[in-house]
Amino acid sequence: MKNYNPNNCNSCLRAVIKDQWGNTISLFGKHAFEYSIIIEHPERTTKFTFKNGKEARKKFNELKKKK
């Protein structure tokens, strides 16, 4: 099994949606490392961090259903 160095991986934008309240919800992630969901509102920005993509996609899909 090959080991990857997190410092050599770039965080990529995986998905973006806009909800009914005008918030922009973005899913960012590194291949096998840290994933983040960023919720941007005109007045504030909230960031949720996850250990892996599976947890992040699950939460992102929950937020997408509320759309």
N, C-alpha and C. Protein backbone atom coordinates (compact mmCIF):
# COMPACT_ATOMS: atom_id res chain seq x y z
N MET A 1 0.84 -1.18 0.00
CA MET A 1 0.00 0.00 0.00
C MET A 1 0.89 1.24 0.00
N LYS A 2 0.55 2.19 -0.84
CA LYS A 2 1.34 3.40 -0.97
C LYS A 2 0.88 4.44 0.04
N ASN A 3 1.82 5.10 0.68
CA ASN A 3 1.51 6.16 1.62
C ASN A 3 1.60 7.51 0.91
N TYR A 4 0.62 8.37 1.16
CA TYR A 4 0.58 9.68 0.55
C TYR A 4 0.91 10.74 1.58
N ASN A 5 1.59 11.77 1.16
CA ASN A 5 1.94 12.88 2.03
C ASN A 5 0.88 13.97 1.87
N PRO A 6 0.20 14.36 2.95
CA PRO A 6 -0.84 15.38 2.84
C PRO A 6 -0.33 16.72 2.31
N ASN A 7 0.94 17.00 2.53
CA ASN A 7 1.50 18.27 2.06
C ASN A 7 1.59 18.33 0.54
N ASN A 8 1.60 17.19 -0.13
CA ASN A 8 1.69 17.16 -1.58
C ASN A 8 0.33 17.14 -2.27
N CYS A 9 -0.75 17.11 -1.50
CA CYS A 9 -2.10 17.05 -2.07
C CYS A 9 -2.75 18.44 -2.00
N ASN A 10 -3.45 18.79 -3.05
CA ASN A 10 -4.17 20.07 -3.11
C ASN A 10 -5.62 19.85 -2.72
N SER A 11 -6.19 20.84 -2.08
CA SER A 11 -7.61 20.80 -1.77
C SER A 11 -8.38 21.26 -3.00
N CYS A 12 -9.34 20.46 -3.44
CA CYS A 12 -10.10 20.75 -4.66
C CYS A 12 -11.57 21.00 -4.32
N LEU A 13 -12.19 21.85 -5.10
CA LEU A 13 -13.63 22.08 -4.98
C LEU A 13 -14.34 20.89 -5.59
N ARG A 14 -15.16 20.20 -4.79
CA ARG A 14 -15.85 18.99 -5.25
C ARG A 14 -17.28 19.27 -5.70
N ALA A 15 -18.00 20.15 -4.99
CA ALA A 15 -19.39 20.44 -5.34
C ALA A 15 -19.81 21.77 -4.72
N VAL A 16 -20.77 22.43 -5.36
CA VAL A 16 -21.32 23.70 -4.87
C VAL A 16 -22.83 23.70 -5.10
N ILE A 17 -23.58 24.13 -4.09
CA ILE A 17 -25.02 24.32 -4.25
C ILE A 17 -25.41 25.64 -3.60
N LYS A 18 -26.55 26.17 -3.97
CA LYS A 18 -27.09 27.37 -3.37
C LYS A 18 -28.45 27.00 -2.79
N ASP A 19 -28.65 27.28 -1.49
CA ASP A 19 -29.91 26.89 -0.86
C ASP A 19 -30.97 27.98 -1.01
N GLN A 20 -32.15 27.72 -0.46
CA GLN A 20 -33.29 28.62 -0.63
C GLN A 20 -33.12 29.95 0.10
N TRP A 21 -32.19 30.03 1.05
CA TRP A 21 -31.95 31.25 1.80
C TRP A 21 -30.81 32.08 1.21
N GLY A 22 -30.24 31.61 0.08
CA GLY A 22 -29.17 32.35 -0.57
C GLY A 22 -27.78 32.00 -0.09
N ASN A 23 -27.66 30.98 0.75
CA ASN A 23 -26.34 30.54 1.22
C ASN A 23 -25.67 29.70 0.14
N THR A 24 -24.37 29.85 0.00
CA THR A 24 -23.59 29.03 -0.91
C THR A 24 -22.91 27.95 -0.08
N ILE A 25 -23.16 26.69 -0.41
CA ILE A 25 -22.60 25.55 0.33
C ILE A 25 -21.60 24.86 -0.59
N SER A 26 -20.33 24.82 -0.16
CA SER A 26 -19.25 24.26 -0.97
C SER A 26 -18.60 23.09 -0.26
N LEU A 27 -18.26 22.06 -1.03
CA LEU A 27 -17.56 20.89 -0.51
C LEU A 27 -16.14 20.90 -1.09
N PHE A 28 -15.14 21.01 -0.22
CA PHE A 28 -13.74 20.98 -0.60
C PHE A 28 -13.10 19.74 0.00
N GLY A 29 -12.09 19.19 -0.68
CA GLY A 29 -11.43 18.04 -0.10
C GLY A 29 -10.13 17.67 -0.76
N LYS A 30 -9.26 17.06 0.06
CA LYS A 30 -8.05 16.44 -0.43
C LYS A 30 -8.39 14.98 -0.68
N HIS A 31 -7.64 14.31 -1.51
CA HIS A 31 -7.97 12.97 -1.97
C HIS A 31 -8.29 12.01 -0.83
N ALA A 32 -7.38 11.79 0.07
CA ALA A 32 -7.60 10.80 1.13
C ALA A 32 -7.43 11.39 2.52
N PHE A 33 -7.56 12.70 2.60
CA PHE A 33 -7.28 13.33 3.88
C PHE A 33 -8.47 14.16 4.35
N GLU A 34 -8.26 15.41 4.58
CA GLU A 34 -9.25 16.28 5.18
C GLU A 34 -10.26 16.80 4.16
N TYR A 35 -11.53 16.81 4.53
CA TYR A 35 -12.60 17.39 3.72
C TYR A 35 -13.27 18.49 4.53
N SER A 36 -13.80 19.48 3.84
CA SER A 36 -14.45 20.60 4.51
C SER A 36 -15.73 20.99 3.77
N ILE A 37 -16.71 21.43 4.55
CA ILE A 37 -17.92 22.04 4.00
C ILE A 37 -17.91 23.49 4.47
N ILE A 38 -18.03 24.40 3.52
CA ILE A 38 -18.03 25.83 3.84
C ILE A 38 -19.39 26.39 3.44
N ILE A 39 -20.07 27.01 4.41
CA ILE A 39 -21.36 27.64 4.18
C ILE A 39 -21.14 29.15 4.22
N GLU A 40 -21.37 29.79 3.07
CA GLU A 40 -21.15 31.23 2.97
C GLU A 40 -22.48 31.96 2.95
N HIS A 41 -22.64 32.85 3.89
CA HIS A 41 -23.80 33.71 3.99
C HIS A 41 -23.27 35.13 3.85
N PRO A 42 -24.06 36.08 3.36
CA PRO A 42 -23.54 37.44 3.20
C PRO A 42 -22.93 38.04 4.47
N GLU A 43 -23.41 37.61 5.63
CA GLU A 43 -22.93 38.19 6.89
C GLU A 43 -21.87 37.35 7.58
N ARG A 44 -21.78 36.05 7.26
CA ARG A 44 -20.83 35.19 7.97
C ARG A 44 -20.45 33.97 7.12
N THR A 45 -19.38 33.31 7.53
CA THR A 45 -18.93 32.09 6.88
C THR A 45 -18.72 31.03 7.95
N THR A 46 -19.22 29.82 7.69
CA THR A 46 -19.09 28.71 8.63
C THR A 46 -18.35 27.57 7.94
N LYS A 47 -17.40 26.95 8.66
CA LYS A 47 -16.62 25.86 8.10
C LYS A 47 -16.73 24.63 9.00
N PHE A 48 -17.07 23.49 8.40
CA PHE A 48 -17.10 22.21 9.09
C PHE A 48 -15.98 21.36 8.51
N THR A 49 -15.19 20.73 9.35
CA THR A 49 -14.07 19.91 8.91
C THR A 49 -14.35 18.45 9.24
N PHE A 50 -13.99 17.55 8.32
CA PHE A 50 -14.22 16.12 8.47
C PHE A 50 -12.93 15.36 8.22
N LYS A 51 -12.82 14.18 8.82
CA LYS A 51 -11.63 13.34 8.66
C LYS A 51 -11.52 12.72 7.29
N ASN A 52 -12.66 12.37 6.71
CA ASN A 52 -12.63 11.71 5.40
C ASN A 52 -13.81 12.16 4.54
N GLY A 53 -13.77 11.76 3.29
CA GLY A 53 -14.78 12.17 2.33
C GLY A 53 -16.15 11.56 2.57
N LYS A 54 -16.18 10.37 3.14
CA LYS A 54 -17.45 9.68 3.36
C LYS A 54 -18.34 10.48 4.32
N GLU A 55 -17.75 10.92 5.43
CA GLU A 55 -18.50 11.71 6.41
C GLU A 55 -18.92 13.05 5.81
N ALA A 56 -18.03 13.68 5.07
CA ALA A 56 -18.31 14.99 4.48
C ALA A 56 -19.43 14.90 3.45
N ARG A 57 -19.38 13.89 2.58
CA ARG A 57 -20.42 13.75 1.57
C ARG A 57 -21.77 13.45 2.19
N LYS A 58 -21.78 12.70 3.29
CA LYS A 58 -23.03 12.40 4.00
C LYS A 58 -23.66 13.69 4.51
N LYS A 59 -22.87 14.54 5.16
CA LYS A 59 -23.37 15.82 5.67
C LYS A 59 -23.77 16.75 4.53
N PHE A 60 -22.99 16.77 3.45
CA PHE A 60 -23.30 17.60 2.28
C PHE A 60 -24.63 17.19 1.68
N ASN A 61 -24.88 15.90 1.57
CA ASN A 61 -26.15 15.41 1.02
C ASN A 61 -27.32 15.76 1.92
N GLU A 62 -27.10 15.77 3.23
CA GLU A 62 -28.16 16.20 4.16
C GLU A 62 -28.49 17.67 3.93
N LEU A 63 -27.46 18.50 3.75
CA LEU A 63 -27.67 19.92 3.50
C LEU A 63 -28.33 20.13 2.14
N LYS A 64 -28.00 19.28 1.17
CA LYS A 64 -28.57 19.40 -0.16
C LYS A 64 -30.06 19.07 -0.15
N LYS A 65 -30.48 18.13 0.72
CA LYS A 65 -31.90 17.77 0.83
C LYS A 65 -32.72 18.93 1.39
N LYS A 66 -32.10 19.73 2.27
CA LYS A 66 -32.79 20.87 2.87
C LYS A 66 -32.95 22.01 1.86
N LYS A 67 -32.27 21.91 0.76
CA LYS A 67 -32.31 22.92 -0.29
C LYS A 67 -33.71 23.03 -0.79
